[in-house]
C-alpha atoms as a PDB file:
ATOM      1  CA  MET A   1      25.543  15.415 -16.931  1.00  0.00           C
ATOM      2  CA  ALA A   2      21.848  15.785 -16.139  1.00  0.00           C
ATOM      3  CA  THR A   3      20.108  12.834 -14.513  1.00  0.00           C
ATOM      4  CA  THR A   4      16.587  11.903 -15.537  1.00  0.00           C
ATOM      5  CA  SER A   5      14.386  11.211 -12.526  1.00  0.00           C
ATOM      6  CA  ASN A   6      11.634   8.621 -12.583  1.00  0.00           C
ATOM      7  CA  ARG A   7      10.604   9.268  -9.007  1.00  0.00           C
ATOM      8  CA  ILE A   8       6.959   8.761  -8.129  1.00  0.00           C
ATOM      9  CA  LEU A   9       5.231  10.170  -5.056  1.00  0.00           C
ATOM     10  CA  GLY A  10       2.686   8.047  -3.206  1.00  0.00           C
ATOM     11  CA  LEU A  11       0.009   9.706  -1.054  1.00  0.00           C
ATOM     12  CA  ASP A  12      -2.438   8.240   1.452  1.00  0.00           C
ATOM     13  CA  TYR A  13      -4.944  11.079   1.724  1.00  0.00           C
ATOM     14  CA  GLY A  14      -6.886  11.700   4.940  1.00  0.00           C
ATOM     15  CA  ASP A  15      -8.786  14.492   6.674  1.00  0.00           C
ATOM     16  CA  VAL A  16      -6.252  14.661   9.500  1.00  0.00           C
ATOM     17  CA  ARG A  17      -3.014  13.360   7.946  1.00  0.00           C
ATOM     18  CA  VAL A  18      -1.554  12.597   4.537  1.00  0.00           C
ATOM     19  CA  GLY A  19       0.867   9.672   4.401  1.00  0.00           C
ATOM     20  CA  VAL A  20       3.785  10.227   2.021  1.00  0.00           C
ATOM     21  CA  ALA A  21       6.214   7.908   0.237  1.00  0.00           C
ATOM     22  CA  VAL A  22       8.604   8.375  -2.674  1.00  0.00           C
ATOM     23  CA  SER A  23      10.184   5.902  -5.070  1.00  0.00           C
ATOM     24  CA  ASP A  24      13.868   5.528  -5.828  1.00  0.00           C
ATOM     25  CA  LEU A  25      15.304   7.088  -8.996  1.00  0.00           C
ATOM     26  CA  LEU A  26      14.522   4.008 -11.069  1.00  0.00           C
ATOM     27  CA  GLY A  27      10.944   3.786  -9.859  1.00  0.00           C
ATOM     28  CA  TRP A  28      11.391   0.332  -8.303  1.00  0.00           C
ATOM     29  CA  THR A  29      11.057   0.677  -4.531  1.00  0.00           C
ATOM     30  CA  ALA A  30       8.963   2.876  -2.227  1.00  0.00           C
ATOM     31  CA  ASN A  31      10.393   4.675   0.798  1.00  0.00           C
ATOM     32  CA  GLY A  32       8.360   6.404   3.490  1.00  0.00           C
ATOM     33  CA  LEU A  33       8.642  10.144   4.144  1.00  0.00           C
ATOM     34  CA  PRO A  34       7.381  12.227   7.094  1.00  0.00           C
ATOM     35  CA  THR A  35       3.586  12.390   7.296  1.00  0.00           C
ATOM     36  CA  ILE A  36       1.891  15.709   6.544  1.00  0.00           C
ATOM     37  CA  SER A  37      -0.454  16.828   9.344  1.00  0.00           C
ATOM     38  CA  ARG A  38      -3.540  18.768   8.324  1.00  0.00           C
ATOM     39  CA  LYS A  39      -5.043  21.476  10.535  1.00  0.00           C
ATOM     40  CA  ASN A  40      -8.137  22.017   8.410  1.00  0.00           C
ATOM     41  CA  PRO A  41      -9.947  19.084   6.711  1.00  0.00           C
ATOM     42  CA  ILE A  42     -11.540  21.451   4.185  1.00  0.00           C
ATOM     43  CA  ASP A  43      -8.654  23.764   3.251  1.00  0.00           C
ATOM     44  CA  HIS A  44      -6.038  21.995   1.099  1.00  0.00           C
ATOM     45  CA  LYS A  45      -3.782  25.016   0.505  1.00  0.00           C
ATOM     46  CA  SER A  46      -1.068  24.313   3.088  1.00  0.00           C
ATOM     47  CA  THR A  47      -1.108  20.575   2.336  1.00  0.00           C
ATOM     48  CA  ILE A  48      -0.662  21.187  -1.384  1.00  0.00           C
ATOM     49  CA  GLU A  49       2.174  23.613  -0.640  1.00  0.00           C
ATOM     50  CA  GLU A  50       3.946  20.964   1.462  1.00  0.00           C
ATOM     51  CA  ILE A  51       3.525  18.451  -1.348  1.00  0.00           C
ATOM     52  CA  GLY A  52       4.976  21.003  -3.771  1.00  0.00           C
ATOM     53  CA  LYS A  53       8.151  21.203  -1.671  1.00  0.00           C
ATOM     54  CA  ILE A  54       8.480  17.423  -1.843  1.00  0.00           C
ATOM     55  CA  LEU A  55       7.891  17.415  -5.614  1.00  0.00           C
ATOM     56  CA  ASN A  56      10.723  19.896  -6.078  1.00  0.00           C
ATOM     57  CA  GLU A  57      13.111  18.288  -3.605  1.00  0.00           C
ATOM     58  CA  HIS A  58      12.801  14.817  -5.107  1.00  0.00           C
ATOM     59  CA  GLN A  59      12.143  15.872  -8.731  1.00  0.00           C
ATOM     60  CA  VAL A  60       8.936  13.865  -8.825  1.00  0.00           C
ATOM     61  CA  GLN A  61       7.424  13.063 -12.226  1.00  0.00           C
ATOM     62  CA  LYS A  62       4.157  11.484 -11.081  1.00  0.00           C
ATOM     63  CA  ILE A  63       1.823  11.324  -8.070  1.00  0.00           C
ATOM     64  CA  VAL A  64      -0.046   8.163  -7.088  1.00  0.00           C
ATOM     65  CA  LEU A  65      -3.051   8.692  -4.825  1.00  0.00           C
ATOM     66  CA  GLY A  66      -4.580   5.864  -2.855  1.00  0.00           C
ATOM     67  CA  TYR A  67      -8.184   5.397  -3.982  1.00  0.00           C
ATOM     68  CA  PRO A  68     -10.266   4.224  -0.990  1.00  0.00           C
ATOM     69  CA  LYS A  69     -12.992   2.046  -2.454  1.00  0.00           C
ATOM     70  CA  ASN A  70     -15.298   0.108  -0.170  1.00  0.00           C
ATOM     71  CA  MET A  71     -14.524  -3.589   0.262  1.00  0.00           C
ATOM     72  CA  ASP A  72     -17.313  -4.461  -2.192  1.00  0.00           C
ATOM     73  CA  GLY A  73     -15.682  -2.283  -4.865  1.00  0.00           C
ATOM     74  CA  THR A  74     -18.165   0.598  -4.657  1.00  0.00           C
ATOM     75  CA  GLU A  75     -17.109   4.238  -4.329  1.00  0.00           C
ATOM     76  CA  GLY A  76     -18.197   6.302  -1.336  1.00  0.00           C
ATOM     77  CA  GLU A  77     -17.613   9.694   0.255  1.00  0.00           C
ATOM     78  CA  ASN A  78     -13.880   9.081   0.764  1.00  0.00           C
ATOM     79  CA  CYS A  79     -13.446   8.480  -2.963  1.00  0.00           C
ATOM     80  CA  ARG A  80     -15.148  11.795  -3.669  1.00  0.00           C
ATOM     81  CA  LYS A  81     -12.731  13.541  -1.294  1.00  0.00           C
ATOM     82  CA  VAL A  82      -9.730  12.004  -3.058  1.00  0.00           C
ATOM     83  CA  GLN A  83     -11.100  13.040  -6.456  1.00  0.00           C
ATOM     84  CA  ASN A  84     -11.500  16.622  -5.238  1.00  0.00           C
ATOM     85  CA  PHE A  85      -8.000  16.656  -3.765  1.00  0.00           C
ATOM     86  CA  ALA A  86      -6.551  15.212  -6.978  1.00  0.00           C
ATOM     87  CA  LYS A  87      -8.171  17.945  -9.066  1.00  0.00           C
ATOM     88  CA  GLN A  88      -6.674  20.624  -6.820  1.00  0.00           C
ATOM     89  CA  LEU A  89      -3.258  18.978  -7.053  1.00  0.00           C
ATOM     90  CA  GLY A  90      -3.603  18.859 -10.831  1.00  0.00           C
ATOM     91  CA  LYS A  91      -4.351  22.582 -10.985  1.00  0.00           C
ATOM     92  CA  ALA A  92      -1.424  23.451  -8.707  1.00  0.00           C
ATOM     93  CA  TYR A  93       1.100  21.201 -10.463  1.00  0.00           C
ATOM     94  CA  PRO A  94      -0.103  20.594 -14.045  1.00  0.00           C
ATOM     95  CA  HIS A  95       3.328  19.328 -15.086  1.00  0.00           C
ATOM     96  CA  VAL A  96       3.069  16.303 -12.772  1.00  0.00           C
ATOM     97  CA  GLY A  97       0.976  13.304 -13.813  1.00  0.00           C
ATOM     98  CA  ILE A  98      -1.571  11.874 -11.376  1.00  0.00           C
ATOM     99  CA  ASP A  99      -2.610   8.237 -11.093  1.00  0.00           C
ATOM    100  CA  PHE A 100      -4.777   6.297  -8.651  1.00  0.00           C
ATOM    101  CA  PHE A 101      -4.324   2.962  -6.934  1.00  0.00           C
ATOM    102  CA  ASP A 102      -6.885   0.858  -5.108  1.00  0.00           C
ATOM    103  CA  GLU A 103      -5.974   1.111  -1.423  1.00  0.00           C
ATOM    104  CA  ARG A 104      -8.670  -1.071   0.134  1.00  0.00           C
ATOM    105  CA  LEU A 105      -6.255  -3.149   2.209  1.00  0.00           C
ATOM    106  CA  THR A 106      -3.279  -0.844   2.719  1.00  0.00           C
ATOM    107  CA  THR A 107      -4.279   0.547   6.117  1.00  0.00           C
ATOM    108  CA  ALA A 108      -5.299  -2.907   7.328  1.00  0.00           C
ATOM    109  CA  SER A 109      -1.977  -4.283   6.105  1.00  0.00           C
ATOM    110  CA  ALA A 110      -0.030  -1.526   7.864  1.00  0.00           C
ATOM    111  CA  LEU A 111      -1.866  -2.077  11.154  1.00  0.00           C
ATOM    112  CA  GLN A 112      -1.419  -5.842  10.991  1.00  0.00           C
ATOM    113  CA  THR A 113       2.313  -5.438  10.383  1.00  0.00           C
ATOM    114  CA  PHE A 114       2.595  -3.344  13.520  1.00  0.00           C
ATOM    115  CA  ASN A 115       0.388  -5.777  15.438  1.00  0.00           C
ATOM    116  CA  LEU A 116       2.663  -8.678  14.498  1.00  0.00           C
ATOM    117  CA  MET A 117       5.559  -6.830  16.084  1.00  0.00           C
ATOM    118  CA  GLY A 118       3.594  -5.881  19.182  1.00  0.00           C
ATOM    119  CA  ALA A 119       3.687  -2.146  18.433  1.00  0.00           C
ATOM    120  CA  GLY A 120       1.843   0.102  20.846  1.00  0.00           C
ATOM    121  CA  ALA A 121      -0.971   2.496  20.005  1.00  0.00           C
ATOM    122  CA  ASP A 122       1.379   5.494  19.848  1.00  0.00           C
ATOM    123  CA  VAL A 123       3.662   3.798  17.304  1.00  0.00           C
ATOM    124  CA  LYS A 124       0.674   2.870  15.145  1.00  0.00           C
ATOM    125  CA  ARG A 125      -0.746   6.388  15.306  1.00  0.00           C
ATOM    126  CA  LYS A 126       2.568   7.970  14.288  1.00  0.00           C
ATOM    127  CA  ASN A 127       3.362   5.578  11.479  1.00  0.00           C
ATOM    128  CA  VAL A 128       0.254   3.975  10.010  1.00  0.00           C
ATOM    129  CA  ASP A 129      -0.295   6.708   7.398  1.00  0.00           C
ATOM    130  CA  LYS A 130       3.350   6.619   6.377  1.00  0.00           C
ATOM    131  CA  MET A 131       3.308   2.859   5.961  1.00  0.00           C
ATOM    132  CA  ALA A 132      -0.015   2.951   4.112  1.00  0.00           C
ATOM    133  CA  ALA A 133       1.466   5.446   1.609  1.00  0.00           C
ATOM    134  CA  GLN A 134       4.496   3.199   1.182  1.00  0.00           C
ATOM    135  CA  LEU A 135       2.287   0.163   0.556  1.00  0.00           C
ATOM    136  CA  ILE A 136       0.160   2.112  -1.949  1.00  0.00           C
ATOM    137  CA  LEU A 137       3.222   3.233  -3.870  1.00  0.00           C
ATOM    138  CA  GLN A 138       4.986  -0.139  -3.769  1.00  0.00           C
ATOM    139  CA  GLY A 139       1.809  -1.859  -4.927  1.00  0.00           C
ATOM    140  CA  TYR A 140       1.533   0.599  -7.805  1.00  0.00           C
ATOM    141  CA  LEU A 141       5.196   0.141  -8.776  1.00  0.00           C
ATOM    142  CA  ASP A 142       4.904  -3.655  -8.715  1.00  0.00           C
ATOM    143  CA  TYR A 143       1.622  -3.631 -10.616  1.00  0.00           C
ATOM    144  CA  THR A 144       2.965  -1.298 -13.287  1.00  0.00           C
ATOM    145  CA  ALA A 145       6.176  -3.314 -13.661  1.00  0.00           C
ATOM    146  CA  ARG A 146       4.173  -6.490 -14.266  1.00  0.00           C
ATOM    147  CA  ASN A 147       2.024  -4.759 -16.868  1.00  0.00           C
ATOM    148  CA  ILE A 148       5.055  -3.312 -18.646  1.00  0.00           C
ATOM    149  CA  LYS A 149       6.255  -6.867 -19.176  1.00  0.00           C
ATOM    150  CA  GLU A 150       2.852  -7.742 -20.575  1.00  0.00           C
ATOM    151  CA  ASN A 151       2.700  -4.516 -22.593  1.00  0.00           C
ATOM    152  CA  GLU A 152      -0.389  -3.479 -20.646  1.00  0.00           C
ATOM    153  CA  ILE A 153       0.775  -0.347 -18.884  1.00  0.00           C
ATOM    154  CA  MET A 154      -1.849   1.278 -16.661  1.00  0.00           C
ATOM    155  CA  ALA A 155      -3.247   4.268 -18.534  1.00  0.00           C
ATOM    156  CA  THR A 156      -2.717   7.762 -17.198  1.00  0.00           C
ATOM    157  CA  ASP A 157      -5.170  10.393 -18.468  1.00  0.00           C
ATOM    158  CA  LYS A 158      -4.525  14.099 -18.468  1.00  0.00           C
ATOM    159  CA  ASP A 159      -8.200  14.588 -17.747  1.00  0.00           C
ATOM    160  CA  LEU A 160      -8.759  13.363 -14.182  1.00  0.00           C
ATOM    161  CA  ASN A 161     -12.368  12.453 -14.836  1.00  0.00           C
ATOM    162  CA  GLU A 162     -11.351  10.240 -17.756  1.00  0.00           C
ATOM    163  CA  ASN A 163      -8.690   8.715 -15.517  1.00  0.00           C
ATOM    164  CA  PHE A 164     -11.358   7.382 -13.176  1.00  0.00           C
ATOM    165  CA  ASP A 165     -13.442   6.052 -16.059  1.00  0.00           C
ATOM    166  CA  ASP A 166     -10.487   4.240 -17.611  1.00  0.00           C
ATOM    167  CA  MET A 167      -8.827   3.078 -14.390  1.00  0.00           C
ATOM    168  CA  GLU A 168      -8.444  -0.701 -14.437  1.00  0.00           C
ATOM    169  CA  GLU A 169     -10.108  -2.496 -11.533  1.00  0.00           C
ATOM    170  CA  MET A 170      -7.632  -3.760  -8.934  1.00  0.00           C
ATOM    171  CA  GLU A 171      -8.585  -6.978  -7.213  1.00  0.00           C
ATOM    172  CA  VAL A 172      -7.864  -7.947  -3.627  1.00  0.00           C
ATOM    173  CA  GLU A 173      -5.466 -10.897  -3.629  1.00  0.00           C
ATOM    174  CA  THR A 174      -6.898 -13.876  -1.780  1.00  0.00           C
ATOM    175  CA  ILE A 175      -6.028 -17.517  -1.225  1.00  0.00           C
ATOM    176  CA  VAL A 176      -8.189 -20.437  -0.090  1.00  0.00           C
ATOM    177  CA  MET A 177      -6.653 -22.826   2.449  1.00  0.00           C
ATOM    178  CA  THR A 178      -7.984 -26.248   3.432  1.00  0.00           C
ATOM    179  CA  ASP A 179      -7.447 -27.141   7.102  1.00  0.00           C
ATOM    180  CA  ASP A 180      -6.874 -30.599   8.584  1.00  0.00           C
ATOM    181  CA  ASP A 181     -10.634 -31.139   8.866  1.00  0.00           C
ATOM    182  CA  GLY A 182     -11.220 -30.380   5.194  1.00  0.00           C
ATOM    183  CA  ASN A 183     -12.752 -26.949   5.814  1.00  0.00           C
ATOM    184  CA  GLU A 184     -11.957 -24.236   3.280  1.00  0.00           C
ATOM    185  CA  ILE A 185     -10.933 -20.852   4.677  1.00  0.00           C
ATOM    186  CA  GLU A 186     -10.442 -17.790   2.479  1.00  0.00           C
ATOM    187  CA  TYR A 187      -7.589 -15.502   3.481  1.00  0.00           C
ATOM    188  CA  ILE A 188      -6.641 -12.045   2.231  1.00  0.00           C
ATOM    189  CA  ILE A 189      -2.913 -11.674   1.561  1.00  0.00           C
ATOM    190  CA  ILE A 190      -1.564  -8.458   3.055  1.00  0.00           C
ATOM    191  CA  ASP A 191       2.155  -9.147   2.656  1.00  0.00           C
ATOM    192  CA  GLU A 192       4.486 -11.639   0.996  1.00  0.00           C
ATOM    193  CA  PHE A 193       8.217 -12.048   1.419  1.00  0.00           C
ATOM    194  CA  GLU A 194      10.990 -14.588   0.971  1.00  0.00           C
ATOM    195  CA  LYS A 195      13.520 -15.680   3.570  1.00  0.00           C
ATOM    196  CA  ASP A 196      16.287 -18.235   2.951  1.00  0.00           C
ATOM    197  CA  GLY A 197      14.506 -19.521  -0.141  1.00  0.00           C
ATOM    198  CA  THR A 198      11.129 -19.973   1.564  1.00  0.00           C
ATOM    199  CA  THR A 199       8.054 -17.922   0.678  1.00  0.00           C
ATOM    200  CA  PHE A 200       5.985 -16.540   3.559  1.00  0.00           C
ATOM    201  CA  LEU A 201       2.477 -15.074   3.398  1.00  0.00           C
ATOM    202  CA  VAL A 202       1.043 -12.685   5.987  1.00  0.00           C
ATOM    203  CA  MET A 203      -2.746 -13.023   5.863  1.00  0.00           C
ATOM    204  CA  ILE A 204      -6.020 -12.290   7.606  1.00  0.00           C
ATOM    205  CA  ASP A 205      -9.282 -14.248   7.517  1.00  0.00           C
ATOM    206  CA  ALA A 206     -11.457 -12.741   4.749  1.00  0.00           C
ATOM    207  CA  GLU A 207     -14.586 -13.091   6.900  1.00  0.00           C
ATOM    208  CA  GLU A 208     -12.962 -11.008   9.644  1.00  0.00           C
ATOM    209  CA  ILE A 209     -11.770  -8.131   7.448  1.00  0.00           C
ATOM    210  CA  GLU A 210     -14.200  -5.648   9.023  1.00  0.00           C
ATOM    211  CA  ASN A 211     -13.105  -6.653  12.540  1.00  0.00           C
ATOM    212  CA  ASP A 212     -10.551  -4.177  13.915  1.00  0.00           C
ATOM    213  CA  GLU A 213      -9.288  -6.835  16.350  1.00  0.00           C
ATOM    214  CA  VAL A 214      -8.598  -9.505  13.721  1.00  0.00           C
ATOM    215  CA  GLU A 215      -5.116 -10.986  14.036  1.00  0.00           C
ATOM    216  CA  ALA A 216      -2.799 -11.699  11.135  1.00  0.00           C
ATOM    217  CA  VAL A 217      -1.273 -15.146  10.633  1.00  0.00           C
ATOM    218  CA  ILE A 218       1.897 -16.175   8.820  1.00  0.00           C
ATOM    219  CA  PHE A 219       2.043 -19.243   6.580  1.00  0.00           C
ATOM    220  CA  LYS A 220       5.085 -20.713   4.830  1.00  0.00           C
ATOM    221  CA  GLN A 221       5.166 -22.596   1.538  1.00  0.00           C
ATOM    222  CA  ILE A 222       6.301 -26.177   2.144  1.00  0.00           C
ATOM    223  CA  GLY A 223       5.760 -27.679  -1.281  1.00  0.00           C
ATOM    224  CA  ALA A 224       3.418 -28.098  -4.220  1.00  0.00           C
ATOM    225  CA  GLU A 225       0.916 -30.717  -5.299  1.00  0.00           C
ATOM    226  CA  GLU A 226       0.075 -30.708  -9.006  1.00  0.00           C
ATOM    227  CA  GLU A 227      -1.040 -27.095  -9.677  1.00  0.00           C
ATOM    228  CA  ASN A 228      -1.528 -26.143  -6.009  1.00  0.00           C
ATOM    229  CA  PHE A 229       0.996 -24.803  -3.522  1.00  0.00           C
ATOM    230  CA  VAL A 230       1.053 -26.296  -0.038  1.00  0.00           C
ATOM    231  CA  TYR A 231       1.303 -23.956   2.963  1.00  0.00           C
ATOM    232  CA  GLU A 232       1.317 -24.403   6.716  1.00  0.00           C
ATOM    233  CA  GLU A 233       1.148 -21.938   9.593  1.00  0.00           C
ATOM    234  CA  ILE A 234       4.535 -21.215  11.125  1.00  0.00           C
ATOM    235  CA  SER A 235       5.416 -22.260  14.655  1.00  0.00           C
ATOM    236  CA  GLU A 236       6.310 -19.943  17.518  1.00  0.00           C
ATOM    237  CA  ALA A 237       9.978 -20.842  17.071  1.00  0.00           C
ATOM    238  CA  GLU A 238       9.782 -19.965  13.379  1.00  0.00           C
ATOM    239  CA  TYR A 239       8.125 -16.673  14.223  1.00  0.00           C
ATOM    240  CA  GLU A 240      11.066 -15.834  16.499  1.00  0.00           C
ATOM    241  CA  MET A 241      13.407 -16.708  13.636  1.00  0.00           C
ATOM    242  CA  LEU A 242      11.503 -14.332  11.329  1.00  0.00           C
ATOM    243  CA  GLU A 243      11.347 -11.502  13.843  1.00  0.00           C
ATOM    244  CA  PRO A 244      14.540  -9.780  12.540  1.00  0.00           C
ATOM    245  CA  GLU A 245      13.114  -9.877   9.001  1.00  0.00           C
ATOM    246  CA  LEU A 246       9.812  -8.389  10.175  1.00  0.00           C
ATOM    247  CA  LYS A 247      11.669  -5.669  12.078  1.00  0.00           C
ATOM    248  CA  ASN A 248      13.747  -4.952   8.984  1.00  0.00           C
ATOM    249  CA  ARG A 249      10.526  -4.381   7.067  1.00  0.00           C
ATOM    250  CA  LEU A 250       9.702  -1.714   9.659  1.00  0.00           C
ATOM    251  CA  ALA A 251      13.131  -0.076   9.477  1.00  0.00           C
ATOM    252  CA  ASP A 252      11.757   3.198   8.098  1.00  0.00           C
ATOM    253  CA  PHE A 253       9.283   3.574  10.956  1.00  0.00           C
ATOM    254  CA  ASP A 254       9.427   4.833  14.524  1.00  0.00           C
ATOM    255  CA  PHE A 255       9.337   1.374  16.076  1.00  0.00           C
ATOM    256  CA  GLU A 256      11.314  -0.263  18.871  1.00  0.00           C
END
């Protein structure tokens, strides 16, 4: 009996490397694949050929490309490069649909995850593109699943130019915390997970987003007041308790 595949390929395009991830058969979860190294930032031929092998091996039905908007939502040179690459992919594999997903925080999220675990520069270099692709794809899968429930599925156009015109704006998810002194601090959420019934948020200060040295913090939900959730930063002991969970989230990466 033939099996219908709903696999989706996620790509984090770059001049030097292309991060790759693929979904499971049901299109629910994203799994990282080996990164594609590029020898020539202008010539896409060999990169597209490598992607073709992956499409065939995993019977991929759709490609999701990370779309690197600036933090203010504008489109720059990197967006133009992704558009050009997408058009070449579309010509090479016209039977595969192509979609785009706002990737503004994926690389930052990947780096902060490694930083939380104390990963060295070599680990980050080897794995950041792979993790970014996985985050792009998982974000797309989650976003699409939510919209299916609301009967608002993200549109996919056959014409790539129309795709960009019709692409729904993705917003960065933020949360405002009030400290003990009554000061409001806006954080950008880069990861969320649940452990033993408690929700944890991995976040960075929104004002420090452009700072490469900014450190991520982890908050836990401790309750709710009226319509607001109450969070507090975890202790060092709690961080040690969560360390196995954080390592498990890095299981697909070259990390010790």
